[in-house]
Protein backbone atom coordinates (compact mmCIF):
# COMPACT_ATOMS: atom_id res chain seq x y z
CA MET A 1 0.22 0.00 -0.16
CA ALA A 2 1.43 3.35 -0.87
CA LYS A 3 2.59 5.44 1.73
CA ASP A 4 0.19 8.51 2.52
CA PRO A 5 2.19 11.64 2.05
CA ARG A 6 -0.15 13.59 4.37
CA VAL A 7 1.04 11.59 7.30
CA THR A 8 4.35 12.28 8.82
CA ASN A 9 5.69 9.81 11.65
CA ILE A 10 8.63 10.84 14.01
CA GLU A 11 10.59 7.69 13.23
CA ASP A 12 10.90 9.19 9.51
CA LEU A 13 12.29 12.63 10.50
CA PRO A 14 16.01 13.46 11.15
CA GLY A 15 17.12 14.07 14.63
CA PRO A 16 16.59 12.57 17.88
CA LYS A 17 13.62 10.06 18.55
CA SER A 18 13.58 10.48 22.42
CA LYS A 19 14.18 12.77 25.02
CA GLY A 20 16.99 10.01 25.93
CA GLU A 21 18.56 10.41 22.59
CA MET A 22 18.37 14.01 22.47
CA GLU A 23 19.93 14.33 25.59
CA GLU A 24 22.96 11.99 24.35
CA TRP A 25 23.04 14.49 21.16
CA LYS A 26 23.49 17.31 23.40
CA MET A 27 26.38 15.65 25.14
CA PRO A 28 29.93 16.62 24.31
CA TYR A 29 31.73 14.33 22.04
CA GLU A 30 34.38 13.01 24.62
CA GLU A 31 31.66 12.41 27.08
CA TYR A 32 29.26 10.67 24.77
CA CYS A 33 32.64 8.36 23.57
CA LYS A 34 33.07 7.38 27.48
CA LYS A 35 29.85 6.54 27.55
CA ILE A 36 29.25 4.24 24.90
CA PHE A 37 32.51 2.43 25.35
CA ASP A 38 32.17 2.46 28.74
CA VAL A 39 35.56 1.13 29.49
CA GLY A 40 36.09 -1.42 32.23
CA ASN A 41 32.64 -2.94 31.76
CA GLU A 42 33.59 -5.12 28.62
CA HIS A 43 32.38 -8.19 30.02
CA THR A 44 28.72 -6.74 30.48
CA LYS A 45 28.39 -6.45 26.76
CA PRO A 46 27.94 -9.37 24.17
CA THR A 47 30.85 -10.61 22.18
CA ALA A 48 30.86 -10.25 18.28
CA LEU A 49 31.95 -13.68 17.55
CA LYS A 50 30.12 -15.80 20.02
CA GLY A 51 29.04 -19.36 18.57
CA VAL A 52 32.46 -19.56 16.65
CA LYS A 53 34.75 -22.37 17.39
CA TRP A 54 38.32 -22.86 16.48
CA LEU A 55 41.10 -25.09 16.49
CA SER A 56 44.76 -23.83 16.98
CA CYS A 57 47.58 -26.16 15.98
CA THR A 58 50.14 -23.13 16.47
CA MET A 59 53.50 -22.35 18.17
CA TYR A 60 55.66 -19.09 18.62
CA ILE A 61 53.76 -15.90 17.97
CA PHE A 62 52.01 -14.90 14.53
CA THR A 63 49.64 -17.87 14.05
CA PRO A 64 48.79 -18.13 17.62
CA HIS A 65 48.03 -14.36 17.59
CA SER A 66 45.49 -14.64 14.87
CA VAL A 67 43.60 -16.97 16.91
CA ALA A 68 43.78 -14.57 19.98
CA ASN A 69 42.32 -12.21 18.04
CA LEU A 70 39.45 -14.36 17.57
CA ALA A 71 39.52 -15.38 21.16
CA GLU A 72 39.14 -11.81 22.58
CA LEU A 73 36.41 -11.28 20.43
CA GLY A 74 34.53 -14.10 21.86
CA ALA A 75 35.22 -17.18 19.54
CA GLU A 76 35.74 -20.52 21.76
CA CYS A 77 39.29 -21.18 20.70
CA VAL A 78 41.17 -24.63 21.45
CA LYS A 79 44.74 -24.91 21.35
CA ILE A 80 46.39 -28.13 20.69
CA GLU A 81 49.99 -28.34 22.04
CA MET A 82 52.47 -31.37 22.42
CA PRO A 83 51.88 -33.40 25.93
CA ARG A 84 53.94 -32.30 28.57
CA MET A 85 56.04 -29.61 26.65
CA GLY A 86 53.56 -27.43 25.17
CA ASP A 87 54.29 -24.60 22.53
CA ALA A 88 57.75 -23.85 22.31
CA MET A 89 57.23 -20.40 23.00
CA ARG A 90 56.62 -21.15 26.56
CA HIS A 91 59.96 -21.73 27.18
CA THR A 92 61.29 -18.32 26.19
CA SER A 93 61.52 -15.50 28.39
CA PRO A 94 63.23 -12.01 28.36
CA PHE A 95 66.85 -12.78 29.09
CA ASN A 96 65.53 -16.29 30.51
CA GLU A 97 64.34 -14.52 33.95
CA CYS A 98 60.78 -14.30 34.25
CA TYR A 99 58.47 -17.34 33.92
CA LEU A 100 54.52 -18.21 35.87
CA TYR A 101 54.44 -21.62 37.48
CA PRO A 102 53.29 -24.53 37.04
CA LEU A 103 53.95 -25.47 33.18
CA HIS A 104 52.43 -28.68 33.71
CA ASP A 105 51.51 -30.72 36.44
CA THR A 106 54.45 -33.42 35.65
CA ARG A 107 56.88 -30.34 35.62
CA PRO A 108 56.26 -28.58 38.86
CA MET A 109 59.30 -26.72 38.69
CA THR A 110 58.93 -25.29 35.23
CA GLY A 111 57.06 -22.30 34.24
CA THR A 112 55.93 -20.69 31.18
CA GLY A 113 57.93 -17.75 30.16
CA LEU A 114 56.82 -14.35 29.22
CA GLY A 115 57.71 -14.98 25.96
CA PHE A 116 54.07 -16.56 25.52
CA THR A 117 52.53 -13.32 26.32
CA ASN A 118 49.65 -11.65 24.72
CA ALA A 119 49.52 -14.49 22.25
CA ASN A 120 47.33 -16.63 23.78
CA PRO A 121 44.47 -15.28 25.93
CA ASN A 122 41.32 -16.45 26.27
CA LYS A 123 42.11 -20.03 24.86
CA TYR A 124 41.31 -23.69 26.17
CA PHE A 125 44.56 -25.60 26.26
CA ILE A 126 44.63 -29.33 25.53
CA THR A 127 47.39 -31.48 24.08
CA MET A 128 47.67 -34.33 21.53
CA ASP A 129 50.13 -36.53 19.91
CA TYR A 130 49.11 -36.49 16.41
CA HIS A 131 51.33 -39.50 15.60
CA ILE A 132 49.08 -41.87 17.20
CA PRO A 133 46.21 -43.06 14.96
CA GLU A 134 44.04 -43.26 17.76
CA MET A 135 44.55 -39.62 18.50
CA VAL A 136 44.10 -38.56 14.65
CA GLU A 137 40.42 -39.83 14.99
CA ILE A 138 39.74 -37.85 18.09
CA PHE A 139 41.13 -34.93 15.77
CA TYR A 140 38.73 -35.58 13.32
CA GLY A 141 35.87 -35.49 15.86
CA LEU A 142 37.19 -31.75 16.83
CA VAL A 143 36.90 -31.23 13.12
CA LYS A 144 33.34 -31.83 12.74
CA LYS A 145 32.35 -29.55 15.62
CA PHE A 146 34.68 -27.02 14.74
CA ASP A 147 34.44 -24.16 12.21
CA GLY A 148 38.09 -23.72 11.33
CA LEU A 149 41.60 -24.48 12.19
CA THR A 150 45.00 -22.80 12.14
CA GLU A 151 48.45 -24.21 11.84
CA LEU A 152 52.14 -23.68 11.12
CA TYR A 153 53.92 -26.92 10.51
CA ARG A 154 56.10 -27.15 7.50
CA PRO A 155 54.25 -27.39 4.14
CA GLY A 156 52.60 -30.70 3.41
CA THR A 157 53.25 -32.24 7.06
CA LEU A 158 49.67 -32.15 8.19
CA ASP A 159 48.94 -33.33 4.45
CA LYS A 160 51.09 -36.16 4.85
CA TRP A 161 49.28 -37.14 8.18
CA LYS A 162 45.76 -36.98 6.20
CA MET A 163 44.88 -34.00 8.65
CA SER A 164 44.87 -31.01 5.82
CA TYR A 165 42.51 -29.11 3.98
CA ARG A 166 41.74 -31.24 1.36
CA TYR A 167 40.77 -34.15 4.20
CA LEU A 168 39.08 -31.98 6.63
CA SER A 169 36.98 -30.54 4.32
CA GLU A 170 35.60 -33.94 3.24
CA ILE A 171 34.76 -34.33 6.79
CA ASN A 172 33.17 -30.83 7.32
CA PRO A 173 32.80 -28.97 4.04
CA ARG A 174 32.19 -25.71 6.03
CA PHE A 175 35.61 -25.87 7.30
CA ILE A 176 38.01 -22.84 7.28
CA TYR A 177 41.62 -23.86 7.04
CA VAL A 178 44.50 -21.70 7.74
CA TRP A 179 48.20 -22.70 6.81
CA GLY A 180 50.55 -19.71 8.28
CA GLY A 181 54.20 -20.42 7.81
CA GLY A 182 57.38 -18.55 6.36
CA PHE A 183 57.89 -18.71 2.73
CA GLY A 184 54.55 -20.70 1.24
CA TYR A 185 54.59 -22.41 -1.91
CA GLY A 186 57.64 -21.51 -4.20
CA PRO A 187 60.99 -21.80 -4.66
CA LYS A 188 61.64 -21.34 -0.59
CA ILE A 189 58.67 -23.85 0.15
CA PHE A 190 60.19 -25.51 2.75
CA GLY A 191 62.33 -22.68 4.25
CA GLY A 192 61.58 -22.07 7.94
CA SER A 193 61.21 -18.24 9.27
CA TYR A 194 61.48 -16.29 12.16
CA ASP A 195 60.46 -12.63 12.77
CA ILE A 196 63.89 -11.55 11.81
CA LEU A 197 64.34 -13.24 8.77
CA GLY A 198 60.99 -11.85 7.51
CA GLN A 199 62.60 -8.25 8.28
CA ALA A 200 65.87 -9.40 6.44
CA HIS A 201 64.40 -11.35 3.67
CA ALA A 202 61.55 -8.77 2.50
CA GLY A 203 63.95 -5.51 2.87
CA LEU A 204 62.27 -3.78 5.96
CA ALA A 205 65.69 -4.19 8.08
CA SER A 206 67.40 -2.68 5.03
CA VAL A 207 65.66 0.79 5.56
CA THR A 208 65.79 0.55 9.53
CA GLY A 209 68.64 2.34 11.37
CA MET A 210 70.65 5.19 10.34
CA HIS A 211 73.47 5.62 7.48
CA GLU A 212 76.61 4.15 8.37
CA PHE A 213 78.33 7.83 8.29
CA MET A 214 75.83 8.84 10.99
CA GLY A 215 77.19 5.59 12.67
CA GLY A 216 74.49 3.44 12.08
CA HIS A 217 73.67 0.39 10.21
CA CYS A 218 70.63 -1.57 9.18
CA THR A 219 68.59 -2.30 12.07
CA LYS A 220 66.09 -5.28 13.26
CA HIS A 221 63.31 -3.90 15.36
CA SER A 222 63.50 -5.01 18.59
CA ASN A 223 60.24 -6.57 19.14
CA TRP A 224 58.78 -9.00 16.36
CA VAL A 225 56.52 -6.58 14.57
CA ILE A 226 56.25 -9.16 11.53
CA ASP A 227 54.96 -11.82 13.68
CA TRP A 228 52.40 -9.43 15.46
CA GLN A 229 51.37 -7.79 12.02
CA SER A 230 51.09 -11.32 10.66
CA GLY A 231 48.71 -12.38 12.99
CA ASN A 232 46.57 -9.51 12.27
CA MET A 233 46.30 -9.86 8.77
CA ILE A 234 45.11 -13.97 9.25
CA THR A 235 42.77 -12.96 11.39
CA ALA A 236 41.23 -10.33 8.73
CA SER A 237 41.23 -13.14 6.32
CA ILE A 238 39.57 -15.46 8.56
CA LEU A 239 36.83 -12.91 9.08
CA ALA A 240 36.70 -12.65 5.48
CA ALA A 241 36.45 -16.53 4.90
CA ILE A 242 33.44 -16.50 7.60
CA HIS A 243 31.46 -13.89 6.00
CA HIS A 244 31.85 -15.74 2.51
CA ARG A 245 30.76 -18.94 4.32
CA ARG A 246 27.59 -17.51 5.22
CA LYS A 247 26.73 -16.61 1.80
CA THR A 248 27.72 -19.87 0.10
CA GLY A 249 27.86 -22.52 3.26
CA LEU A 250 31.16 -23.44 1.98
CA GLY A 251 34.77 -23.44 3.90
CA THR A 252 37.90 -22.43 2.41
CA MET A 253 41.58 -22.32 2.39
CA ILE A 254 43.96 -19.55 3.47
CA GLU A 255 47.86 -20.04 2.39
CA PHE A 256 49.91 -17.20 4.34
CA SER A 257 53.14 -16.60 4.15
CA GLN A 258 55.03 -14.46 6.90
CA VAL A 259 57.91 -13.19 4.87
CA GLN A 260 55.47 -11.46 2.55
CA VAL A 261 53.92 -8.94 5.51
CA PRO A 262 57.02 -6.49 5.46
CA THR A 263 56.24 -5.73 1.77
CA ARG A 264 53.19 -4.46 2.85
CA MET A 265 54.68 -2.26 5.20
CA LEU A 266 57.27 -0.86 3.01
CA GLY A 267 54.94 1.79 1.68
CA TYR A 268 56.25 3.48 -1.66
CA THR A 269 59.43 1.20 -1.76
CA THR A 270 58.88 -1.34 -4.18
CA THR A 271 56.93 1.38 -6.69
CA MET A 272 59.74 3.73 -6.31
CA TYR A 273 61.97 0.92 -7.62
CA GLY A 274 59.91 -0.19 -10.33
CA LYS A 275 59.13 3.26 -11.86
CA PHE A 276 62.49 4.93 -11.11
CA GLY A 277 65.02 2.24 -10.39
CA ILE A 278 66.15 3.82 -7.22
CA VAL A 279 66.45 1.62 -4.48
CA ARG A 280 65.23 3.04 -0.83
CA GLN A 281 67.94 4.08 1.49
CA ARG A 282 67.43 3.76 5.46
CA TRP A 283 66.88 7.13 7.33
CA GLY A 284 66.56 6.41 11.15
CA ASN A 285 65.12 8.30 13.16
CA TRP A 286 64.01 10.95 10.59
CA ASP A 287 61.43 10.96 7.82
CA THR A 288 62.07 10.65 3.95
CA GLN A 289 59.12 12.96 3.08
CA LEU A 290 58.65 15.34 5.96
CA ALA A 291 61.11 17.52 7.66
CA VAL A 292 61.62 18.33 10.49
CA HIS A 293 59.47 15.03 11.51
CA GLY A 294 61.93 13.19 13.58
CA ILE A 295 63.43 11.93 16.95
CA ILE A 296 66.42 13.78 18.36
CA LEU A 297 68.46 13.03 21.44
CA CYS A 298 68.71 15.76 24.22
CA GLY A 299 71.84 16.31 26.36
CA LYS A 300 70.01 15.28 29.86
CA SER A 301 68.06 12.66 31.14
CA ASP A 302 64.80 13.22 33.02
CA PHE A 303 65.58 10.61 35.73
CA PRO A 304 69.52 11.21 36.25
CA ASP A 305 69.07 9.35 39.74
CA ALA A 306 67.02 6.81 38.36
CA GLU A 307 68.39 3.04 39.09
CA ASN A 308 66.73 1.44 36.25
CA PRO A 309 69.54 2.16 33.32
CA GLN A 310 66.64 2.65 30.76
CA ASP A 311 65.36 5.76 32.85
CA LYS A 312 68.75 7.13 33.70
CA PHE A 313 70.48 6.63 30.36
CA CYS A 314 67.54 6.40 27.61
CA ALA A 315 64.79 8.85 28.74
CA ARG A 316 66.88 11.38 26.56
CA TYR A 317 64.92 11.24 23.23
CA ALA A 318 62.34 13.60 21.96
CA MET A 319 60.01 13.59 18.92
CA VAL A 320 59.67 16.65 17.02
CA SER A 321 57.50 18.09 14.31
CA ALA A 322 57.38 21.12 12.51
CA PHE A 323 57.40 20.34 8.59
CA GLN A 324 54.89 23.12 7.67
CA ASP A 325 56.55 26.38 6.88
CA ALA A 326 55.17 28.43 9.60
CA ASP A 327 56.03 25.67 12.35
CA PHE A 328 59.76 25.43 10.67
CA LYS A 329 59.96 29.23 10.71
CA GLU A 330 58.85 29.44 14.60
CA LEU A 331 61.19 26.27 15.37
CA CYS A 332 64.29 27.90 13.74
CA ALA A 333 63.23 31.29 15.72
CA ILE A 334 63.16 29.60 19.10
CA THR A 335 66.27 27.56 18.72
CA GLY A 336 68.52 30.10 17.31
CA MET A 337 68.58 28.52 13.99
CA SER A 338 67.26 31.40 11.97
CA HIS A 339 70.06 31.10 9.26
CA LEU A 340 68.44 27.64 8.37
CA TYR A 341 65.19 29.11 7.84
CA GLU A 342 66.46 31.31 5.30
CA LYS A 343 68.35 28.47 3.64
CA TYR A 344 65.65 26.07 3.77
CA ARG A 345 62.08 28.29 3.56
CA ALA A 346 60.75 25.62 1.14
CA HIS A 347 59.96 22.25 2.34
CA LYS A 348 61.29 20.62 -0.86
CA ASP A 349 64.12 22.21 -0.28
CA ARG A 350 64.72 21.15 3.56
CA VAL A 351 63.64 17.49 3.02
CA GLU A 352 66.56 16.83 1.21
CA GLY A 353 69.21 14.42 2.65
CA GLU A 354 71.76 17.14 2.95
CA ALA A 355 69.41 19.63 4.11
CA GLN A 356 68.17 17.13 6.97
CA VAL A 357 71.36 16.40 7.97
CA GLU A 358 72.56 19.88 8.56
CA ILE A 359 68.62 20.69 10.35
CA TYR A 360 68.89 17.34 12.85
CA GLY A 361 72.65 18.35 13.59
CA ALA A 362 71.62 21.81 14.66
CA LEU A 363 68.58 20.78 16.83
CA GLU A 364 70.68 18.08 18.72
CA ARG A 365 73.32 20.60 19.52
CA TRP A 366 70.49 23.19 20.50
CA ALA A 367 69.07 20.37 22.85
CA ALA A 368 72.77 19.53 24.25
CA ASP A 369 72.35 21.46 27.55
CA LYS A 370 68.56 20.19 27.89
CA SER A 371 66.51 17.34 29.11
CA ARG A 372 63.99 15.74 26.67
CA SER A 373 61.05 17.41 29.11
CA GLN A 374 62.58 20.86 28.63
CA VAL A 375 62.97 20.54 24.96
CA CYS A 376 59.38 19.35 24.77
CA LYS A 377 57.91 22.42 27.11
CA VAL A 378 59.65 24.76 25.12
CA LEU A 379 58.31 23.66 21.96
CA ASN A 380 54.78 22.59 23.07
CA ASP A 381 54.69 26.27 24.70
CA ALA A 382 55.52 27.84 21.22
CA GLY A 383 52.75 25.43 19.62
CA LEU A 384 54.60 23.13 18.02
CA LEU A 385 54.37 19.18 18.26
CA ALA A 386 56.78 17.68 20.33
CA GLU A 387 56.73 14.48 22.73
CA PRO A 388 59.23 12.71 25.12
CA VAL A 389 59.73 9.03 23.89
CA ARG A 390 58.55 7.22 26.45
CA ASN A 391 59.73 3.57 27.91
CA ASP A 392 57.19 0.99 29.08
CA ARG A 393 56.79 2.51 32.20
CA GLU A 394 56.10 5.80 31.54
CA THR A 395 53.47 4.29 29.19
CA TYR A 396 51.75 2.28 32.01
CA GLU A 397 52.03 5.66 34.24
CA SER A 398 50.42 7.76 31.25
CA PRO A 399 46.72 9.16 32.33
CA HIS A 400 45.83 8.94 28.61
CA TYR A 401 46.34 5.13 28.50
CA ARG A 402 45.18 4.82 31.72
CA GLU A 403 41.87 6.64 31.04
CA ARG A 404 41.08 4.61 27.63
CA GLY A 405 41.92 1.28 29.46
CA THR A 406 44.99 0.48 27.14
CA VAL A 407 46.76 -0.76 29.66
CA ARG A 408 45.14 -2.13 32.86
CA TRP A 409 45.58 -4.92 35.27
CA LEU A 410 43.84 -8.19 35.08
CA ASP A 411 42.71 -10.48 37.78
CA ASP A 412 43.64 -14.07 36.25
CA PRO A 413 42.16 -17.02 37.46
CA LEU A 414 45.31 -18.79 37.73
CA PHE A 415 48.08 -16.44 38.22
CA GLY A 416 46.62 -13.20 39.92
CA ASP A 417 47.29 -9.82 39.20
CA MET A 418 48.50 -9.43 35.48
CA LEU A 419 49.28 -6.02 33.84
CA LEU A 420 48.44 -6.16 30.31
CA GLN A 421 47.51 -4.43 26.97
CA ALA A 422 46.65 -7.43 24.55
CA GLY A 423 43.20 -6.94 23.14
CA TYR A 424 42.46 -3.42 25.01
CA SER A 425 45.04 -1.63 22.78
CA CYS A 426 43.08 -2.67 19.35
CA GLY A 427 40.48 0.39 19.74
CA HIS A 428 37.10 0.41 21.15
CA MET A 429 34.14 -1.31 19.93
CA GLU A 430 30.57 0.14 21.34
CA LYS A 431 28.40 -2.93 21.17
CA THR A 432 30.64 -5.91 21.18
CA PRO A 433 34.08 -4.96 22.69
CA ARG A 434 37.22 -7.10 23.04
CA ARG A 435 37.96 -8.55 26.52
CA ILE A 436 40.50 -10.59 28.24
CA ASN A 437 38.80 -13.74 30.70
CA TRP A 438 42.29 -15.34 31.30
CA HIS A 439 45.94 -14.52 29.82
CA TRP A 440 46.85 -18.16 29.50
CA ARG A 441 46.66 -21.86 31.26
CA PRO A 442 49.01 -24.51 31.90
CA VAL A 443 49.73 -27.07 29.09
CA GLY A 444 46.83 -29.87 29.31
CA ALA A 445 44.48 -27.50 31.46
CA ASP A 446 41.38 -28.32 29.65
CA ASN A 447 41.76 -31.72 28.54
CA LYS A 448 38.67 -32.89 30.80
CA LYS A 449 36.74 -30.18 29.52
CA ILE A 450 36.97 -30.64 25.71
CA TYR A 451 37.49 -34.58 25.68
CA HIS A 452 34.81 -35.31 28.21
CA ASP A 453 32.37 -32.66 28.20
CA MET A 454 32.47 -31.70 24.63
CA LEU A 455 33.45 -35.28 22.82
CA GLY A 456 31.93 -37.32 25.50
CA ILE A 457 35.31 -39.59 25.90
CA PRO A 458 35.25 -41.47 29.65
CA LEU A 459 37.24 -40.39 31.88
CA SER A 460 39.09 -43.60 32.57
CA LYS A 461 39.88 -43.61 28.82
CA ILE A 462 41.37 -39.75 29.22
CA LYS A 463 43.82 -40.93 32.22
CA GLU A 464 44.83 -43.95 30.15
CA TRP A 465 45.83 -41.38 27.51
CA TYR A 466 47.63 -39.36 30.05
CA ASP A 467 49.27 -42.22 31.27
CA LYS A 468 50.66 -43.31 27.77
CA ALA A 469 51.39 -39.69 27.20
CA TYR A 470 49.42 -39.42 24.15
CA ILE A 471 48.10 -35.86 25.76
């Protein structure tokens, strides 16, 4: 029936539909954001991936992280580890110092190292020896009940064991299968990979660090940036595959090469070489496209009497940005570099390599008798952008991160208070926010829950498997 043009409903009009909505519209934007995101109360809201079940046959960082993203969004994720030993990453910790006990009930004096941190929250942990034919059948039983799997064994390993996509898709046609590894198919198909290899192989390390004439060399990022970014990109592919399955009813296979990820992060590098034959150079703490827009070394530490050497010796760096003509003029005026403004008035002139060497050198000489806080205050008072380069303690103490809930304490059910960021550093979601329930659990902690409660296997059989080290 055609709508009567003489009738107007409030629902059809623009603007608020109720008094409560009108009050929200009047609210300052920041207050509105605080209200709808309600930091700290994520557990009172639903989860986006409730009902999704995912298997994780993964180790180290990037493939476990891809599944952790799903778990933080509410998927039920089960990690399958080697009996007694667990993921190899459990046995790593910064300088072999920090461990949380126990690793497993048969190894009470062995703990899980903090290298395991942030890649395995909210997962359930079971153990299984894939080499035992009886356990392969149990694995097939899990496949029938789950939506997908992520694995990282050498290419063809699970295929040899009849546990790869082409076998599992016959058991469950809706199954989504992810292989994540070093190189993927191609000339180096069996080449293993680590984050550092990815940074080196794809050219990322070649453009990181200062020039040798500045006392630098090509540099590996201290953190495993390729691993963490690889996990995020796999998760995006999984979510796309889930959406595709809702339309078609069919699963799919995803093949992911870790060493390809740095190429995505290199911006104009490849295109510049292809078009002009120019090989990109490294440019350290400065920027190849903007000047001034970099990090400088100041002469004094903000914490000269601190016991921690990171505070005492390293709290001397500041980020400075003044690439707009007016900002560069102001920077030169307050630092006594007016002659450089006259020399490099136009951005196209000061962004040249030789100009940057001269400009940043002059800035560091100006900052040689100042702390980074003094440098930032002088520049901020002049309306310029400048920030201290913070360490993790300062990040933890930052009111900005505290208010947004980026860094927070978790009362872990097993390990007590744990300070973490994990999913809380991934932005806010109003309706279905990420949340952390627990950070990790001991090896095989959920064998009973999965084998008995989910699959209905008798406890006597589970004990038999345990005694035989099948699980």
